[in-house]
Amino acid sequence: MKRITWLFFCFLPALTWAGIPIQHWTLANGAKVYLVEAPGIPMVDVQIEFDAGSRRDPNGQAGLAIATGRMMAKGIKAAHGQSAMDENQLGEAWADLGAMVSANASADRMSFSLRSLTRPELLEAAIALAARQLAAPSFPSDVWQSERERWVASIRESNTKPSTQATKAFNQAVFGDHPYGAEIDEASLRRIDTAAMAQFLSRHLLLCQAKISVVGAVNRAQTERILNQLLSGLPKHSTCPALPKVAEVAPLKAASTLRIPFESAQAHVFMGQPGIARQHPDFFALTLGNYILGGGGFVSRLTEQVREKRGLSYSVYSYFSPGQHAGAFTVGLQTRPDQAAQAVQVASDVLAEFVREGPTDQEVQAAKDFLIGGFALRLDSNRKLLDNLSNIAWFELPLDYLDTWSAEMDKLTTQQIQQAFARAVQPERMVTVILGAKP
């Protein structure tokens, strides 16, 4: 059956789970598997993740991991009597199967995803094609040259925007020399060729370190068969090679303010510092507290003080970006250039008071009601469930994490939130970037 429409997947009723049993085991090749059986829809999602994110980019080649992920869809080599396929042929083959495959890299990891119907003849063909794409991407040099020029043009255009310049300056100030702060620019892309991509994959696509998440109408035995075939083209290792250790993000030693001249109708402001890694024990408390501080939109303290009471900004927000290492804690806003100093002062005062005194009991209860009440919406599709499952796998969270999330959030106290913010956030050591403000 050819060109099966993906509308099939868009209009199926959402599944709900009273509890989400996660099966977990390790394959003979060392890959760790996490499975949630969801038999209600005849499809399966597979996500394979490797420690091959942009934090692994070599010095001077920022963008290599992302470029490698993008180029994995541009063609596959001939192998075992099967012809090579270029980008168009590969795209047509996936369309004919009604399946979908993708590869992309984030700061921490490279993800390879497959979605297919479980109808046997379609699934078998999808697995075989995905296995070839994973193991033998062709990395055509002429295609990379074109892709690189488009990417460079996009960077040049993006650099004309005030938000881009402010974000880059903020990341550099927060992360310094850590890979989280590395900037992809024209020079770094010019240093990347397709040989570097192939070498990057050979060094980092290690089965013994892979985390695999599977959601769909398959059981454990079927999952093992799918994965053994899907991973069959990757090299096996008798011992698991150790990847170089990536340093932790260094805390800021002092406050600093960076003012960037820019002709803009709005001044762009970022304030922040290194926050926490995802495995940090204060994650729940900081998540709940940040909803009150600046993550809850119109009900947050920052919005109330900066926007509602003083009209200094249409939007003001705060968030943590925890990863394998400490991601940034960020407060952001835009305001009229002549109001930037006042907006920064008000936001700073709100943050300092929150860290010092914490939220009120009423704020905490309202935040719990909203976050706990909306938690089920994070699991109302196979795709959302897969995203949650992959985070459990990658960060090695407890297998009952989704079942206990609401209880963990509900038991937090006002004091615990204040203490967590006092440990994680130091208002006296924040970096502030102000782009486009009037002198």
Protein backbone atom coordinates (compact mmCIF):
# COMPACT_ATOMS: atom_id res chain seq x y z
CA MET A 1 0.00 0.00 0.00
CA LYS A 2 1.68 3.18 -1.23
CA ARG A 3 1.63 6.77 -0.01
CA ILE A 4 -0.37 6.10 3.13
CA THR A 5 -1.53 9.48 4.33
CA TRP A 6 -0.27 10.75 7.67
CA LEU A 7 -3.73 12.15 8.32
CA PHE A 8 -4.31 8.72 9.77
CA PHE A 9 -2.10 9.64 12.67
CA CYS A 10 -3.51 13.14 13.14
CA PHE A 11 -7.14 12.24 13.75
CA LEU A 12 -6.91 9.16 15.89
CA PRO A 13 -8.34 9.68 19.37
CA ALA A 14 -5.77 10.34 22.08
CA LEU A 15 -4.84 7.53 24.40
CA THR A 16 -4.87 7.89 28.15
CA TRP A 17 -3.07 5.83 30.73
CA ALA A 18 -4.06 5.23 34.33
CA GLY A 19 -0.48 4.12 34.87
CA ILE A 20 2.41 3.87 32.45
CA PRO A 21 4.41 0.66 32.90
CA ILE A 22 7.87 1.09 31.43
CA GLN A 23 9.81 -2.03 30.53
CA HIS A 24 13.58 -1.65 30.64
CA TRP A 25 16.38 -4.00 29.66
CA THR A 26 19.81 -4.04 28.04
CA LEU A 27 20.53 -5.60 24.66
CA ALA A 28 23.51 -7.87 24.08
CA ASN A 29 25.31 -4.99 22.35
CA GLY A 30 24.96 -2.83 25.48
CA ALA A 31 22.18 -0.52 24.30
CA LYS A 32 19.59 0.27 26.98
CA VAL A 33 15.97 -0.12 25.91
CA TYR A 34 12.87 1.55 27.37
CA LEU A 35 9.50 0.29 26.10
CA VAL A 36 5.92 1.41 26.64
CA GLU A 37 3.37 -0.83 24.96
CA ALA A 38 0.53 1.21 23.44
CA PRO A 39 -1.60 -1.26 21.50
CA GLY A 40 -4.48 1.11 20.76
CA ILE A 41 -2.90 2.49 17.58
CA PRO A 42 -1.26 0.22 14.95
CA MET A 43 2.01 2.13 14.86
CA VAL A 44 5.39 2.26 16.55
CA ASP A 45 7.82 5.06 17.39
CA VAL A 46 11.50 4.30 17.94
CA GLN A 47 14.04 6.87 19.12
CA ILE A 48 17.72 5.98 19.39
CA GLU A 49 19.96 8.47 21.16
CA PHE A 50 23.73 8.70 21.30
CA ASP A 51 26.14 10.90 23.23
CA ALA A 52 26.84 12.81 20.03
CA GLY A 53 25.35 16.25 20.61
CA SER A 54 27.02 19.56 19.88
CA ARG A 55 28.89 19.43 23.20
CA ARG A 56 31.04 16.86 21.36
CA ASP A 57 31.91 19.23 18.47
CA PRO A 58 35.69 19.51 18.01
CA ASN A 59 37.29 22.87 18.71
CA GLY A 60 36.82 25.15 15.74
CA GLN A 61 34.06 23.01 14.21
CA ALA A 62 30.96 24.20 16.05
CA GLY A 63 27.98 22.87 14.15
CA LEU A 64 29.47 19.50 13.20
CA ALA A 65 26.95 17.40 15.16
CA ILE A 66 23.99 19.36 13.80
CA ALA A 67 25.36 19.24 10.26
CA THR A 68 25.91 15.49 10.54
CA GLY A 69 22.34 14.93 11.65
CA ARG A 70 20.99 17.00 8.78
CA MET A 71 23.12 15.23 6.18
CA MET A 72 22.01 11.75 7.24
CA ALA A 73 18.85 12.30 5.18
CA LYS A 74 20.71 13.30 2.01
CA GLY A 75 21.43 9.82 0.68
CA ILE A 76 22.68 6.33 1.49
CA LYS A 77 25.47 4.19 0.07
CA ALA A 78 25.08 1.05 -2.02
CA ALA A 79 25.44 -2.11 0.05
CA HIS A 80 24.71 -5.84 -0.08
CA GLY A 81 23.46 -5.71 -3.66
CA GLN A 82 21.21 -2.72 -3.02
CA SER A 83 21.70 0.44 -5.05
CA ALA A 84 22.70 3.77 -3.59
CA MET A 85 19.90 6.29 -3.07
CA ASP A 86 20.09 10.06 -3.29
CA GLU A 87 18.01 12.48 -1.25
CA ASN A 88 15.04 12.45 -3.65
CA GLN A 89 14.96 8.68 -3.96
CA LEU A 90 15.20 8.32 -0.19
CA GLY A 91 12.36 10.77 0.35
CA GLU A 92 10.15 8.98 -2.17
CA ALA A 93 10.87 5.62 -0.55
CA TRP A 94 9.77 6.92 2.86
CA ALA A 95 6.65 8.47 1.36
CA ASP A 96 5.75 5.19 -0.33
CA LEU A 97 6.01 3.41 3.02
CA GLY A 98 3.94 6.04 4.82
CA ALA A 99 6.75 6.08 7.38
CA MET A 100 8.99 8.79 8.72
CA VAL A 101 12.62 8.93 9.80
CA SER A 102 14.71 11.80 11.11
CA ALA A 103 18.10 12.53 12.65
CA ASN A 104 18.98 15.64 14.61
CA ALA A 105 21.40 16.82 17.25
CA SER A 106 20.84 18.95 20.33
CA ALA A 107 23.44 20.22 22.78
CA ASP A 108 23.68 16.84 24.57
CA ARG A 109 22.59 14.10 22.20
CA MET A 110 22.01 12.96 18.64
CA SER A 111 18.61 11.38 18.06
CA PHE A 112 17.61 9.00 15.29
CA SER A 113 13.83 8.49 15.10
CA LEU A 114 11.59 6.12 13.17
CA ARG A 115 7.80 6.12 12.98
CA SER A 116 5.92 3.44 11.08
CA LEU A 117 2.67 1.55 10.94
CA THR A 118 3.02 -1.95 12.37
CA ARG A 119 1.49 -3.65 9.35
CA PRO A 120 4.15 -6.36 8.82
CA GLU A 121 5.16 -5.70 5.23
CA LEU A 122 5.36 -1.94 5.83
CA LEU A 123 7.22 -2.24 9.10
CA GLU A 124 9.75 -4.71 7.71
CA ALA A 125 10.56 -2.43 4.80
CA ALA A 126 10.75 0.65 7.03
CA ILE A 127 13.16 -1.05 9.43
CA ALA A 128 15.38 -2.21 6.58
CA LEU A 129 15.53 1.25 5.04
CA ALA A 130 16.11 2.95 8.39
CA ALA A 131 18.93 0.51 9.16
CA ARG A 132 20.67 1.50 5.94
CA GLN A 133 20.21 5.20 6.60
CA LEU A 134 21.60 4.85 10.12
CA ALA A 135 24.60 2.72 9.20
CA ALA A 136 25.58 3.99 5.74
CA PRO A 137 24.73 7.63 5.04
CA SER A 138 26.54 8.73 1.89
CA PHE A 139 27.27 12.34 2.92
CA PRO A 140 27.47 13.67 -0.67
CA SER A 141 29.97 16.53 -0.78
CA ASP A 142 28.12 18.55 -3.43
CA VAL A 143 24.93 18.46 -1.36
CA TRP A 144 26.83 19.57 1.76
CA GLN A 145 28.36 22.49 -0.13
CA SER A 146 24.88 23.67 -1.11
CA GLU A 147 23.50 23.06 2.37
CA ARG A 148 26.40 24.92 3.93
CA GLU A 149 25.88 27.97 1.71
CA ARG A 150 22.20 28.08 2.65
CA TRP A 151 23.14 27.75 6.32
CA VAL A 152 25.72 30.54 6.04
CA ALA A 153 23.17 32.78 4.34
CA SER A 154 20.70 32.03 7.12
CA ILE A 155 23.29 32.93 9.77
CA ARG A 156 24.11 36.20 8.02
CA GLU A 157 20.45 37.12 7.84
CA SER A 158 19.84 36.09 11.45
CA ASN A 159 22.77 38.19 12.64
CA THR A 160 20.95 41.31 11.47
CA LYS A 161 18.27 40.70 14.10
CA PRO A 162 18.64 42.19 17.56
CA SER A 163 17.32 39.08 19.29
CA THR A 164 20.06 36.96 17.71
CA GLN A 165 22.83 39.29 18.76
CA ALA A 166 21.49 39.56 22.30
CA THR A 167 21.11 35.78 22.63
CA LYS A 168 24.65 35.11 21.40
CA ALA A 169 26.12 37.67 23.77
CA PHE A 170 24.15 36.23 26.68
CA ASN A 171 25.18 32.63 25.97
CA GLN A 172 28.83 33.62 25.69
CA ALA A 173 28.66 35.54 28.98
CA VAL A 174 26.92 32.70 30.83
CA PHE A 175 28.84 29.70 29.48
CA GLY A 176 32.24 31.14 28.59
CA ASP A 177 34.43 28.43 27.03
CA HIS A 178 32.01 25.59 27.79
CA PRO A 179 30.61 23.85 24.67
CA TYR A 180 27.10 25.03 25.60
CA GLY A 181 28.23 28.52 24.65
CA ALA A 182 29.94 27.64 21.36
CA GLU A 183 28.75 29.74 18.44
CA ILE A 184 28.07 28.26 15.03
CA ASP A 185 29.30 30.81 12.51
CA GLU A 186 30.49 30.97 8.94
CA ALA A 187 34.08 30.23 9.88
CA SER A 188 33.24 27.09 11.85
CA LEU A 189 31.02 25.77 9.06
CA ARG A 190 33.78 26.33 6.50
CA ARG A 191 35.98 23.98 8.53
CA ILE A 192 33.45 21.13 8.29
CA ASP A 193 33.55 18.64 5.44
CA THR A 194 31.80 15.33 4.85
CA ALA A 195 34.86 13.35 5.95
CA ALA A 196 34.54 15.03 9.36
CA MET A 197 30.88 13.94 9.49
CA ALA A 198 31.70 10.31 8.79
CA GLN A 199 34.48 10.39 11.38
CA PHE A 200 32.16 12.00 13.94
CA LEU A 201 29.63 9.18 13.51
CA SER A 202 32.25 6.47 13.75
CA ARG A 203 33.51 7.89 17.04
CA HIS A 204 30.19 8.64 18.71
CA LEU A 205 27.51 6.23 17.45
CA LEU A 206 28.38 3.64 20.07
CA LEU A 207 25.75 0.97 20.63
CA CYS A 208 27.10 0.24 24.08
CA GLN A 209 26.15 3.79 25.13
CA ALA A 210 22.88 4.14 23.20
CA LYS A 211 19.55 4.83 24.90
CA ILE A 212 16.53 3.57 22.95
CA SER A 213 12.91 4.54 23.59
CA VAL A 214 10.03 2.63 21.98
CA VAL A 215 6.31 3.43 22.16
CA GLY A 216 3.72 1.55 20.17
CA ALA A 217 1.78 -1.58 19.38
CA VAL A 218 4.70 -3.95 19.94
CA ASN A 219 5.71 -6.23 22.79
CA ARG A 220 9.20 -6.91 24.14
CA ALA A 221 9.97 -9.77 21.76
CA GLN A 222 8.87 -7.71 18.74
CA THR A 223 10.89 -4.75 20.00
CA GLU A 224 14.05 -6.85 20.29
CA ARG A 225 13.60 -8.11 16.74
CA ILE A 226 13.04 -4.57 15.42
CA LEU A 227 16.08 -3.19 17.22
CA ASN A 228 18.41 -6.04 16.28
CA GLN A 229 17.60 -5.42 12.64
CA LEU A 230 17.67 -1.65 12.93
CA LEU A 231 21.10 -1.62 14.59
CA SER A 232 22.64 -4.45 12.61
CA GLY A 233 24.84 -2.20 10.47
CA LEU A 234 26.54 -0.38 13.33
CA PRO A 235 29.90 -1.63 14.62
CA LYS A 236 30.01 -3.84 17.70
CA HIS A 237 32.63 -3.40 20.41
CA SER A 238 33.97 -6.07 22.73
CA THR A 239 34.60 -3.32 25.30
CA CYS A 240 32.76 -0.03 25.41
CA PRO A 241 35.01 2.89 24.39
CA ALA A 242 34.99 5.79 26.82
CA LEU A 243 34.25 9.22 25.39
CA PRO A 244 36.27 12.18 26.67
CA LYS A 245 34.81 13.83 29.74
CA VAL A 246 33.11 17.19 29.15
CA ALA A 247 33.82 19.75 31.85
CA GLU A 248 31.01 21.18 33.95
CA VAL A 249 29.78 24.74 33.44
CA ALA A 250 31.71 27.11 35.69
CA PRO A 251 29.64 29.36 37.98
CA LEU A 252 29.91 33.10 37.47
CA LYS A 253 32.30 34.81 39.84
CA ALA A 254 30.72 38.28 39.76
CA ALA A 255 27.91 40.32 38.28
CA SER A 256 28.47 41.96 34.90
CA THR A 257 26.48 44.12 32.49
CA LEU A 258 27.01 44.16 28.74
CA ARG A 259 25.45 47.02 26.77
CA ILE A 260 25.28 46.53 23.01
CA PRO A 261 24.43 49.51 20.78
CA PHE A 262 21.80 48.69 18.21
CA GLU A 263 19.19 50.74 16.34
CA SER A 264 16.01 48.93 17.31
CA ALA A 265 12.45 49.84 18.22
CA GLN A 266 12.75 47.58 21.26
CA ALA A 267 15.58 47.00 23.70
CA HIS A 268 16.29 43.31 24.25
CA VAL A 269 17.23 42.30 27.78
CA PHE A 270 18.55 39.00 29.11
CA MET A 271 19.58 38.39 32.72
CA GLY A 272 20.85 35.12 34.09
CA GLN A 273 23.59 32.70 35.06
CA PRO A 274 24.33 28.95 34.92
CA GLY A 275 21.44 27.09 36.54
CA ILE A 276 21.20 23.34 37.15
CA ALA A 277 21.72 20.04 35.38
CA ARG A 278 18.63 17.90 34.78
CA GLN A 279 19.55 15.35 37.44
CA HIS A 280 19.76 18.01 40.16
CA PRO A 281 17.64 17.11 43.22
CA ASP A 282 16.06 20.61 43.21
CA PHE A 283 14.57 20.14 39.74
CA PHE A 284 10.97 19.78 40.93
CA ALA A 285 11.16 22.67 43.38
CA LEU A 286 12.71 24.97 40.80
CA THR A 287 10.17 23.97 38.16
CA LEU A 288 7.27 24.79 40.45
CA GLY A 289 8.88 27.96 41.78
CA ASN A 290 9.75 29.25 38.33
CA TYR A 291 6.11 28.95 37.26
CA ILE A 292 5.33 31.45 40.01
CA LEU A 293 8.30 33.70 39.27
CA GLY A 294 8.15 34.02 35.50
CA GLY A 295 7.06 30.82 33.78
CA GLY A 296 3.33 31.16 34.34
CA GLY A 297 2.62 33.91 31.85
CA PHE A 298 0.07 36.44 33.05
CA VAL A 299 -0.09 34.94 36.55
CA SER A 300 3.65 35.23 37.23
CA ARG A 301 5.25 37.78 39.53
CA LEU A 302 7.46 39.22 36.81
CA THR A 303 4.48 39.85 34.56
CA GLU A 304 2.53 41.41 37.40
CA GLN A 305 5.31 43.84 38.37
CA VAL A 306 6.95 44.60 35.01
CA ARG A 307 3.94 44.56 32.70
CA GLU A 308 0.72 44.94 34.65
CA LYS A 309 1.75 47.48 37.28
CA ARG A 310 4.26 49.52 35.28
CA GLY A 311 3.62 48.82 31.60
CA LEU A 312 7.32 48.34 30.91
CA SER A 313 7.09 45.27 28.71
CA TYR A 314 4.49 43.30 26.81
CA SER A 315 6.19 40.02 27.71
CA VAL A 316 8.59 39.11 30.50
CA TYR A 317 9.53 35.57 31.50
CA SER A 318 12.00 33.31 33.26
CA TYR A 319 13.04 29.71 32.76
CA PHE A 320 15.63 27.04 33.55
CA SER A 321 17.22 25.03 30.72
CA PRO A 322 18.67 21.98 32.50
CA GLY A 323 20.68 19.52 30.44
CA GLN A 324 23.50 17.05 30.96
CA HIS A 325 25.31 20.03 32.43
CA ALA A 326 24.00 23.19 34.04
CA GLY A 327 21.92 25.03 31.49
CA ALA A 328 21.14 28.72 31.81
CA PHE A 329 18.69 30.31 34.18
CA THR A 330 17.25 33.16 32.13
CA VAL A 331 15.06 36.20 32.71
CA GLY A 332 14.11 37.88 29.43
CA LEU A 333 12.07 40.85 28.28
CA GLN A 334 11.74 43.50 25.60
CA THR A 335 10.97 47.11 26.35
CA ARG A 336 11.20 50.62 24.94
CA PRO A 337 14.85 51.68 24.75
CA ASP A 338 14.28 54.61 27.09
CA GLN A 339 12.69 52.29 29.70
CA ALA A 340 15.34 49.56 29.68
CA ALA A 341 17.10 50.68 32.86
CA GLN A 342 13.85 50.82 34.81
CA ALA A 343 12.69 47.43 33.47
CA VAL A 344 15.98 45.82 34.44
CA GLN A 345 15.78 47.27 37.92
CA VAL A 346 12.21 46.12 38.50
CA ALA A 347 12.94 42.59 37.20
CA SER A 348 16.07 42.43 39.36
CA ASP A 349 14.14 43.51 42.44
CA VAL A 350 11.41 40.92 41.82
CA LEU A 351 14.00 38.17 41.41
CA ALA A 352 15.98 39.17 44.49
CA GLU A 353 12.83 39.27 46.62
CA PHE A 354 11.72 35.87 45.34
CA VAL A 355 15.10 34.29 46.11
CA ARG A 356 15.17 35.93 49.54
CA GLU A 357 11.59 35.31 50.66
CA GLY A 358 10.15 32.69 48.32
CA PRO A 359 6.54 32.43 47.15
CA THR A 360 3.40 32.60 49.25
CA ASP A 361 1.38 29.53 50.19
CA GLN A 362 -1.44 30.77 47.94
CA GLU A 363 0.92 31.09 44.96
CA VAL A 364 2.28 27.61 45.54
CA GLN A 365 -1.17 26.03 45.69
CA ALA A 366 -2.32 27.82 42.53
CA ALA A 367 0.82 26.69 40.70
CA LYS A 368 0.34 23.10 41.83
CA ASP A 369 -3.28 23.13 40.70
CA PHE A 370 -2.28 24.31 37.23
CA LEU A 371 0.78 22.11 36.69
CA ILE A 372 -0.68 18.94 38.17
CA GLY A 373 -4.02 19.50 36.47
CA GLY A 374 -2.36 19.86 33.08
CA PHE A 375 0.12 17.02 33.44
CA ALA A 376 -2.06 14.51 31.58
CA LEU A 377 -1.83 16.72 28.47
CA ARG A 378 1.88 15.92 28.34
CA LEU A 379 1.04 12.26 27.71
CA ASP A 380 -1.99 12.40 25.43
CA SER A 381 -0.26 11.12 22.28
CA ASN A 382 2.37 8.58 21.34
CA ARG A 383 4.71 11.40 20.29
CA LYS A 384 4.46 13.18 23.64
CA LEU A 385 4.86 9.92 25.50
CA LEU A 386 7.96 9.12 23.46
CA ASP A 387 9.46 12.51 24.32
CA ASN A 388 8.92 11.87 28.02
CA LEU A 389 10.22 8.31 27.77
CA SER A 390 13.39 9.46 25.98
CA ASN A 391 14.08 11.95 28.78
CA ILE A 392 13.67 9.18 31.35
CA ALA A 393 16.10 7.07 29.33
CA TRP A 394 18.67 9.78 28.66
CA PHE A 395 18.80 11.17 32.18
CA GLU A 396 18.30 7.74 33.80
CA LEU A 397 15.27 8.88 35.79
CA PRO A 398 13.24 6.39 37.84
CA LEU A 399 11.00 4.12 35.78
CA ASP A 400 7.96 5.29 37.75
CA TYR A 401 8.81 8.94 37.07
CA LEU A 402 5.62 9.65 35.10
CA ASP A 403 3.43 7.89 37.67
CA THR A 404 4.94 9.79 40.61
CA TRP A 405 5.40 13.21 38.97
CA SER A 406 2.20 14.70 40.37
CA ALA A 407 2.86 13.37 43.88
CA GLU A 408 6.41 14.72 43.84
CA MET A 409 5.14 18.12 42.78
CA ASP A 410 2.26 18.13 45.25
CA LYS A 411 4.40 17.43 48.31
CA LEU A 412 6.67 20.45 47.79
CA THR A 413 6.45 23.14 50.45
CA THR A 414 6.85 26.89 50.21
CA GLN A 415 10.02 26.65 52.26
CA GLN A 416 11.54 24.00 50.00
CA ILE A 417 10.97 26.20 46.95
CA GLN A 418 12.60 29.21 48.60
CA GLN A 419 15.56 27.14 49.72
CA ALA A 420 16.00 25.63 46.25
CA PHE A 421 16.06 29.07 44.64
CA ALA A 422 18.52 30.32 47.25
CA ARG A 423 20.84 27.42 46.33
CA ALA A 424 20.47 27.74 42.56
CA VAL A 425 20.18 31.47 41.89
CA GLN A 426 22.53 34.23 43.05
CA PRO A 427 21.09 37.61 42.01
CA GLU A 428 24.33 39.31 43.03
CA ARG A 429 26.23 37.31 40.37
CA MET A 430 23.97 37.67 37.37
CA VAL A 431 25.07 38.65 33.88
CA THR A 432 22.83 41.26 32.23
CA VAL A 433 22.80 41.87 28.47
CA ILE A 434 21.02 44.99 27.25
CA LEU A 435 20.89 45.48 23.50
CA GLY A 436 19.46 48.62 21.93
CA ALA A 437 18.86 50.74 25.03
CA LYS A 438 19.25 54.51 24.93
CA PRO A 439 22.45 55.67 26.68
